[in-house]
């Protein structure tokens, strides 16, 4: 990111619209140092073409 003039990753907003597992993308972004994330598709349980954060939070065993 430094080659693009970005020195403070905490000031970068990442917008995901790639229809990939959102938990995987969340982990990747946090590991890379990004803190501000938006996921375009947040499908309800039983819908969509990838695993969304809403589906993760809808799991009955989450406390």
Protein backbone atom coordinates (compact mmCIF):
# COMPACT_ATOMS: atom_id res chain seq x y z
CA UNK A 1 0.00 0.00 0.00
CA UNK A 2 2.93 2.33 0.61
CA UNK A 3 3.73 2.38 -3.11
CA UNK A 4 0.28 3.94 -3.60
CA UNK A 5 0.88 6.59 -0.92
CA UNK A 6 -1.15 4.86 1.80
CA UNK A 7 0.75 4.79 5.08
CA UNK A 8 -2.07 4.44 7.63
CA UNK A 9 -4.26 1.37 6.99
CA UNK A 10 -6.59 2.39 9.82
CA UNK A 11 -7.83 5.21 7.55
CA UNK A 12 -8.68 2.91 4.61
CA UNK A 13 -12.20 1.66 3.86
CA UNK A 14 -12.41 -1.74 2.15
CA UNK A 15 -15.56 -2.50 0.12
CA UNK A 16 -16.09 -6.20 -0.63
CA UNK A 17 -18.38 -7.20 -3.50
CA UNK A 18 -16.64 -10.37 -4.62
CA UNK A 19 -19.15 -13.06 -3.56
CA UNK A 20 -16.60 -14.92 -1.45
CA UNK A 21 -16.85 -16.31 2.08
CA UNK A 22 -17.16 -13.14 4.19
CA UNK A 23 -15.61 -14.71 7.29
CA UNK A 24 -12.52 -15.59 5.25
CA UNK A 25 -12.36 -12.03 3.85
CA UNK A 26 -12.81 -10.55 7.35
CA UNK A 27 -9.90 -12.60 8.70
CA UNK A 28 -7.70 -11.69 5.71
CA UNK A 29 -8.45 -7.97 6.02
CA UNK A 30 -7.82 -7.86 9.78
CA UNK A 31 -4.58 -9.80 9.40
CA UNK A 32 -3.44 -7.30 6.77
CA UNK A 33 -4.15 -4.40 9.15
CA UNK A 34 -7.41 -3.04 7.75
CA UNK A 35 -10.11 -2.02 10.24
CA UNK A 36 -12.98 -0.51 8.24
CA UNK A 37 -14.84 -3.03 6.09
CA UNK A 38 -18.11 -3.08 4.15
CA UNK A 39 -19.63 -6.23 2.68
CA UNK A 40 -22.07 -5.52 -0.16
CA UNK A 41 -24.04 -8.78 0.04
CA UNK A 42 -25.21 -9.86 3.50
CA UNK A 43 -27.55 -12.73 2.71
CA UNK A 44 -30.14 -14.17 5.07
CA UNK A 45 -29.68 -17.77 6.17
CA UNK A 46 -30.65 -20.13 3.37
CA UNK A 47 -30.13 -17.57 0.59
CA UNK A 48 -27.26 -16.20 -1.46
CA UNK A 49 -24.28 -17.72 -3.19
CA UNK A 50 -21.69 -17.38 -0.41
CA UNK A 51 -21.33 -17.49 3.39
CA UNK A 52 -22.31 -14.06 4.77
CA UNK A 53 -21.78 -12.43 8.16
CA UNK A 54 -25.55 -12.47 8.73
CA UNK A 55 -25.58 -16.25 8.22
CA UNK A 56 -22.76 -16.60 10.73
CA UNK A 57 -24.63 -14.49 13.31
CA UNK A 58 -27.89 -16.39 12.71
CA UNK A 59 -26.38 -19.66 13.94
CA UNK A 60 -28.42 -20.97 16.89
CA UNK A 61 -25.34 -21.83 18.96
CA UNK A 62 -23.85 -18.33 19.00
CA UNK A 63 -24.15 -16.79 22.47
